[in-house]
């Protein structure tokens, strides 16, 4: 700038925030996000799927299915503690969680063998830490929503006895 002449700096104006969706729009947006998350999950893009499912939970925190999708993605990523926490959040929203019609294998529709690989990894973790209530509960949860209720029952019982309220295993024992 020349001596005596002030430079004019335009004010910084932040971009406008996008409008928040209306209540009905929230549901539509959450459904769109969930569908994109399911596709990412089926393609094995678990990190992306988790990001999308977390957004769905932000939009619809009282929807148990959103928490379920987060938990399943955390399971797929090997984040077992986080998966149990997501299930606990879902059970808090829906006390009859065990009655839900979740089917874990459905998320793996493009690569069904991936579910078995993830289940094998969880079983290995349980074998390494047989008294870990969270791991036992999560394995039971996977068995339960894979239609193997008889296999899940003893896992829930042991998790409940060891965990003393640290997992939602008790919700499954009353069924």
C-alpha atoms as a PDB file:
ATOM      1  CA  UNK A   1       0.000   0.000   0.000  1.00  0.00           C
ATOM      2  CA  UNK A   2       1.125   3.530  -0.689  1.00  0.00           C
ATOM      3  CA  UNK A   3       2.043   5.839   2.151  1.00  0.00           C
ATOM      4  CA  UNK A   4      -1.050   7.402   3.614  1.00  0.00           C
ATOM      5  CA  UNK A   5      -3.435   5.115   1.737  1.00  0.00           C
ATOM      6  CA  UNK A   6      -5.217   2.491   3.774  1.00  0.00           C
ATOM      7  CA  UNK A   7      -5.673  -0.926   2.265  1.00  0.00           C
ATOM      8  CA  UNK A   8      -9.280  -2.004   2.221  1.00  0.00           C
ATOM      9  CA  UNK A   9      -9.687  -5.554   3.469  1.00  0.00           C
ATOM     10  CA  UNK A  10     -13.075  -7.045   2.786  1.00  0.00           C
ATOM     11  CA  UNK A  11     -14.687  -8.611   5.855  1.00  0.00           C
ATOM     12  CA  UNK A  12     -14.562 -12.387   6.093  1.00  0.00           C
ATOM     13  CA  UNK A  13     -18.071 -13.694   5.885  1.00  0.00           C
ATOM     14  CA  UNK A  14     -18.457 -17.352   6.793  1.00  0.00           C
ATOM     15  CA  UNK A  15     -20.527 -19.457   4.421  1.00  0.00           C
ATOM     16  CA  UNK A  16     -24.101 -19.984   5.529  1.00  0.00           C
ATOM     17  CA  UNK A  17     -24.801 -23.138   7.492  1.00  0.00           C
ATOM     18  CA  UNK A  18     -26.889 -25.661   5.616  1.00  0.00           C
ATOM     19  CA  UNK A  19     -30.471 -25.734   6.834  1.00  0.00           C
ATOM     20  CA  UNK A  20     -31.287 -28.418   9.374  1.00  0.00           C
ATOM     21  CA  UNK A  21     -33.742 -30.928   7.989  1.00  0.00           C
ATOM     22  CA  UNK A  22     -37.276 -30.851   9.303  1.00  0.00           C
ATOM     23  CA  UNK A  23     -38.431 -33.792  11.438  1.00  0.00           C
ATOM     24  CA  UNK A  24     -39.693 -35.709   8.398  1.00  0.00           C
ATOM     25  CA  UNK A  25     -36.619 -34.613   6.482  1.00  0.00           C
ATOM     26  CA  UNK A  26     -34.410 -36.008   9.255  1.00  0.00           C
ATOM     27  CA  UNK A  27     -35.894 -39.446   8.710  1.00  0.00           C
ATOM     28  CA  UNK A  28     -35.400 -39.217   4.950  1.00  0.00           C
ATOM     29  CA  UNK A  29     -31.824 -38.005   5.415  1.00  0.00           C
ATOM     30  CA  UNK A  30     -31.111 -40.741   7.974  1.00  0.00           C
ATOM     31  CA  UNK A  31     -32.483 -43.376   5.589  1.00  0.00           C
ATOM     32  CA  UNK A  32     -30.311 -42.036   2.782  1.00  0.00           C
ATOM     33  CA  UNK A  33     -27.238 -42.099   5.027  1.00  0.00           C
ATOM     34  CA  UNK A  34     -28.052 -45.607   6.287  1.00  0.00           C
ATOM     35  CA  UNK A  35     -28.376 -46.874   2.721  1.00  0.00           C
ATOM     36  CA  UNK A  36     -25.006 -45.367   1.788  1.00  0.00           C
ATOM     37  CA  UNK A  37     -23.532 -46.925   4.949  1.00  0.00           C
ATOM     38  CA  UNK A  38     -24.951 -50.346   4.069  1.00  0.00           C
ATOM     39  CA  UNK A  39     -23.432 -50.118   0.619  1.00  0.00           C
ATOM     40  CA  UNK A  40     -20.047 -49.091   2.039  1.00  0.00           C
ATOM     41  CA  UNK A  41     -20.234 -51.960   4.538  1.00  0.00           C
ATOM     42  CA  UNK A  42     -21.090 -54.483   1.821  1.00  0.00           C
ATOM     43  CA  UNK A  43     -18.130 -53.199  -0.188  1.00  0.00           C
ATOM     44  CA  UNK A  44     -15.846 -53.780   2.813  1.00  0.00           C
ATOM     45  CA  UNK A  45     -15.374 -50.037   3.430  1.00  0.00           C
ATOM     46  CA  UNK A  46     -15.941 -50.379   7.155  1.00  0.00           C
ATOM     47  CA  UNK A  47     -14.366 -47.065   8.137  1.00  0.00           C
ATOM     48  CA  UNK A  48     -16.640 -45.199   5.739  1.00  0.00           C
ATOM     49  CA  UNK A  49     -19.638 -47.242   6.860  1.00  0.00           C
ATOM     50  CA  UNK A  50     -18.915 -46.394  10.493  1.00  0.00           C
ATOM     51  CA  UNK A  51     -18.729 -42.697   9.672  1.00  0.00           C
ATOM     52  CA  UNK A  52     -22.094 -42.854   7.911  1.00  0.00           C
ATOM     53  CA  UNK A  53     -23.795 -44.940  10.588  1.00  0.00           C
ATOM     54  CA  UNK A  54     -22.586 -42.532  13.272  1.00  0.00           C
ATOM     55  CA  UNK A  55     -24.192 -39.693  11.303  1.00  0.00           C
ATOM     56  CA  UNK A  56     -27.394 -41.710  11.218  1.00  0.00           C
ATOM     57  CA  UNK A  57     -27.262 -42.044  15.024  1.00  0.00           C
ATOM     58  CA  UNK A  58     -26.798 -38.257  15.305  1.00  0.00           C
ATOM     59  CA  UNK A  59     -29.929 -37.721  13.222  1.00  0.00           C
ATOM     60  CA  UNK A  60     -32.008 -40.461  14.830  1.00  0.00           C
ATOM     61  CA  UNK A  61     -30.586 -41.194  18.303  1.00  0.00           C
ATOM     62  CA  UNK A  62     -33.748 -43.012  19.372  1.00  0.00           C
ATOM     63  CA  UNK A  63     -33.617 -45.518  16.520  1.00  0.00           C
ATOM     64  CA  UNK A  64     -32.245 -48.840  17.771  1.00  0.00           C
ATOM     65  CA  UNK A  65     -31.359 -49.940  14.251  1.00  0.00           C
ATOM     66  CA  UNK A  66     -28.890 -47.063  13.897  1.00  0.00           C
ATOM     67  CA  UNK A  67     -27.055 -48.186  17.052  1.00  0.00           C
ATOM     68  CA  UNK A  68     -27.116 -51.758  15.769  1.00  0.00           C
ATOM     69  CA  UNK A  69     -25.436 -50.714  12.521  1.00  0.00           C
ATOM     70  CA  UNK A  70     -22.731 -48.860  14.452  1.00  0.00           C
ATOM     71  CA  UNK A  71     -22.169 -51.923  16.653  1.00  0.00           C
ATOM     72  CA  UNK A  72     -21.906 -54.274  13.693  1.00  0.00           C
ATOM     73  CA  UNK A  73     -19.409 -52.030  11.968  1.00  0.00           C
ATOM     74  CA  UNK A  74     -17.309 -51.765  15.108  1.00  0.00           C
ATOM     75  CA  UNK A  75     -17.412 -55.576  15.321  1.00  0.00           C
ATOM     76  CA  UNK A  76     -16.235 -55.799  11.706  1.00  0.00           C
ATOM     77  CA  UNK A  77     -13.366 -53.415  12.508  1.00  0.00           C
ATOM     78  CA  UNK A  78     -12.351 -55.479  15.543  1.00  0.00           C
ATOM     79  CA  UNK A  79     -13.319 -52.645  17.905  1.00  0.00           C
ATOM     80  CA  UNK A  80     -15.056 -54.953  20.317  1.00  0.00           C
ATOM     81  CA  UNK A  81     -15.343 -52.631  23.328  1.00  0.00           C
ATOM     82  CA  UNK A  82     -16.887 -49.934  21.142  1.00  0.00           C
ATOM     83  CA  UNK A  83     -19.285 -52.482  19.640  1.00  0.00           C
ATOM     84  CA  UNK A  84     -20.518 -53.461  23.111  1.00  0.00           C
ATOM     85  CA  UNK A  85     -20.947 -49.785  24.010  1.00  0.00           C
ATOM     86  CA  UNK A  86     -23.022 -49.206  20.855  1.00  0.00           C
ATOM     87  CA  UNK A  87     -25.200 -52.204  21.722  1.00  0.00           C
ATOM     88  CA  UNK A  88     -25.665 -50.870  25.259  1.00  0.00           C
ATOM     89  CA  UNK A  89     -26.765 -47.520  23.774  1.00  0.00           C
ATOM     90  CA  UNK A  90     -29.228 -49.369  21.555  1.00  0.00           C
ATOM     91  CA  UNK A  91     -30.604 -51.422  24.445  1.00  0.00           C
ATOM     92  CA  UNK A  92     -31.117 -48.160  26.368  1.00  0.00           C
ATOM     93  CA  UNK A  93     -33.272 -46.960  23.473  1.00  0.00           C
ATOM     94  CA  UNK A  94     -35.042 -50.261  22.911  1.00  0.00           C
ATOM     95  CA  UNK A  95     -35.358 -52.496  25.969  1.00  0.00           C
ATOM     96  CA  UNK A  96     -36.659 -55.365  23.830  1.00  0.00           C
ATOM     97  CA  UNK A  97     -33.491 -55.328  21.695  1.00  0.00           C
ATOM     98  CA  UNK A  98     -33.297 -59.150  21.735  1.00  0.00           C
ATOM     99  CA  UNK A  99     -36.695 -59.236  19.999  1.00  0.00           C
ATOM    100  CA  UNK A 100     -35.437 -57.102  17.093  1.00  0.00           C
ATOM    101  CA  UNK A 101     -35.211 -58.680  13.687  1.00  0.00           C
ATOM    102  CA  UNK A 102     -31.578 -57.817  13.091  1.00  0.00           C
ATOM    103  CA  UNK A 103     -29.699 -60.296  10.910  1.00  0.00           C
ATOM    104  CA  UNK A 104     -25.954 -59.771  11.074  1.00  0.00           C
ATOM    105  CA  UNK A 105     -25.198 -61.613   7.858  1.00  0.00           C
ATOM    106  CA  UNK A 106     -27.464 -59.303   5.855  1.00  0.00           C
ATOM    107  CA  UNK A 107     -24.865 -56.541   5.986  1.00  0.00           C
ATOM    108  CA  UNK A 108     -22.371 -58.850   4.280  1.00  0.00           C
ATOM    109  CA  UNK A 109     -24.541 -59.564   1.255  1.00  0.00           C
ATOM    110  CA  UNK A 110     -21.714 -58.976  -1.247  1.00  0.00           C
ATOM    111  CA  UNK A 111     -19.108 -60.955   0.704  1.00  0.00           C
ATOM    112  CA  UNK A 112     -20.848 -63.318   3.145  1.00  0.00           C
ATOM    113  CA  UNK A 113     -17.569 -65.058   3.983  1.00  0.00           C
ATOM    114  CA  UNK A 114     -16.403 -61.839   5.651  1.00  0.00           C
ATOM    115  CA  UNK A 115     -18.895 -62.362   8.474  1.00  0.00           C
ATOM    116  CA  UNK A 116     -17.373 -65.765   9.198  1.00  0.00           C
ATOM    117  CA  UNK A 117     -13.881 -64.225   9.134  1.00  0.00           C
ATOM    118  CA  UNK A 118     -14.934 -61.522  11.599  1.00  0.00           C
ATOM    119  CA  UNK A 119     -16.640 -64.094  13.809  1.00  0.00           C
ATOM    120  CA  UNK A 120     -13.487 -66.228  13.755  1.00  0.00           C
ATOM    121  CA  UNK A 121     -11.398 -63.238  14.883  1.00  0.00           C
ATOM    122  CA  UNK A 122     -13.827 -62.585  17.743  1.00  0.00           C
ATOM    123  CA  UNK A 123     -13.715 -66.257  18.762  1.00  0.00           C
ATOM    124  CA  UNK A 124      -9.923 -66.045  18.853  1.00  0.00           C
ATOM    125  CA  UNK A 125     -10.160 -63.016  21.130  1.00  0.00           C
ATOM    126  CA  UNK A 126     -12.559 -64.908  23.411  1.00  0.00           C
ATOM    127  CA  UNK A 127     -10.169 -67.883  23.466  1.00  0.00           C
ATOM    128  CA  UNK A 128      -7.320 -65.562  24.452  1.00  0.00           C
ATOM    129  CA  UNK A 129      -9.432 -63.799  27.119  1.00  0.00           C
ATOM    130  CA  UNK A 130     -12.073 -66.341  28.212  1.00  0.00           C
ATOM    131  CA  UNK A 131     -13.154 -64.298  31.232  1.00  0.00           C
ATOM    132  CA  UNK A 132     -13.712 -61.022  29.405  1.00  0.00           C
ATOM    133  CA  UNK A 133     -17.402 -60.231  29.877  1.00  0.00           C
ATOM    134  CA  UNK A 134     -17.496 -57.813  26.937  1.00  0.00           C
ATOM    135  CA  UNK A 135     -16.005 -60.291  24.478  1.00  0.00           C
ATOM    136  CA  UNK A 136     -18.283 -63.081  25.712  1.00  0.00           C
ATOM    137  CA  UNK A 137     -21.310 -60.827  25.409  1.00  0.00           C
ATOM    138  CA  UNK A 138     -20.361 -59.688  21.902  1.00  0.00           C
ATOM    139  CA  UNK A 139     -19.868 -63.275  20.733  1.00  0.00           C
ATOM    140  CA  UNK A 140     -23.248 -64.159  22.204  1.00  0.00           C
ATOM    141  CA  UNK A 141     -24.771 -61.144  20.464  1.00  0.00           C
ATOM    142  CA  UNK A 142     -23.353 -62.248  17.128  1.00  0.00           C
ATOM    143  CA  UNK A 143     -24.648 -65.779  17.656  1.00  0.00           C
ATOM    144  CA  UNK A 144     -28.070 -64.457  18.706  1.00  0.00           C
ATOM    145  CA  UNK A 145     -28.537 -62.366  15.576  1.00  0.00           C
ATOM    146  CA  UNK A 146     -27.176 -65.188  13.460  1.00  0.00           C
ATOM    147  CA  UNK A 147     -30.116 -67.309  14.639  1.00  0.00           C
ATOM    148  CA  UNK A 148     -28.060 -69.437  17.047  1.00  0.00           C
ATOM    149  CA  UNK A 149     -29.891 -68.657  20.286  1.00  0.00           C
ATOM    150  CA  UNK A 150     -28.880 -71.921  21.948  1.00  0.00           C
ATOM    151  CA  UNK A 151     -25.199 -71.123  21.399  1.00  0.00           C
ATOM    152  CA  UNK A 152     -25.672 -67.547  22.606  1.00  0.00           C
ATOM    153  CA  UNK A 153     -27.381 -68.385  25.915  1.00  0.00           C
ATOM    154  CA  UNK A 154     -24.348 -69.771  27.777  1.00  0.00           C
ATOM    155  CA  UNK A 155     -22.229 -66.855  26.547  1.00  0.00           C
ATOM    156  CA  UNK A 156     -24.751 -64.353  27.910  1.00  0.00           C
ATOM    157  CA  UNK A 157     -24.915 -66.226  31.225  1.00  0.00           C
ATOM    158  CA  UNK A 158     -21.153 -66.195  31.648  1.00  0.00           C
ATOM    159  CA  UNK A 159     -20.898 -62.550  30.540  1.00  0.00           C
ATOM    160  CA  UNK A 160     -23.598 -61.552  33.031  1.00  0.00           C
ATOM    161  CA  UNK A 161     -21.902 -63.439  35.871  1.00  0.00           C
ATOM    162  CA  UNK A 162     -18.462 -62.010  35.110  1.00  0.00           C
ATOM    163  CA  UNK A 163     -19.505 -58.528  34.080  1.00  0.00           C
ATOM    164  CA  UNK A 164     -21.932 -57.729  36.863  1.00  0.00           C
ATOM    165  CA  UNK A 165     -23.841 -55.153  34.825  1.00  0.00           C
ATOM    166  CA  UNK A 166     -21.018 -53.999  32.541  1.00  0.00           C
ATOM    167  CA  UNK A 167     -22.720 -55.497  29.479  1.00  0.00           C
ATOM    168  CA  UNK A 168     -26.361 -55.678  28.389  1.00  0.00           C
ATOM    169  CA  UNK A 169     -26.282 -59.494  28.684  1.00  0.00           C
ATOM    170  CA  UNK A 170     -29.135 -59.485  31.179  1.00  0.00           C
ATOM    171  CA  UNK A 171     -31.503 -58.189  28.492  1.00  0.00           C
ATOM    172  CA  UNK A 172     -30.984 -61.456  26.634  1.00  0.00           C
ATOM    173  CA  UNK A 173     -31.313 -63.725  29.668  1.00  0.00           C
ATOM    174  CA  UNK A 174     -34.942 -62.783  30.242  1.00  0.00           C
ATOM    175  CA  UNK A 175     -35.968 -63.943  26.762  1.00  0.00           C
END
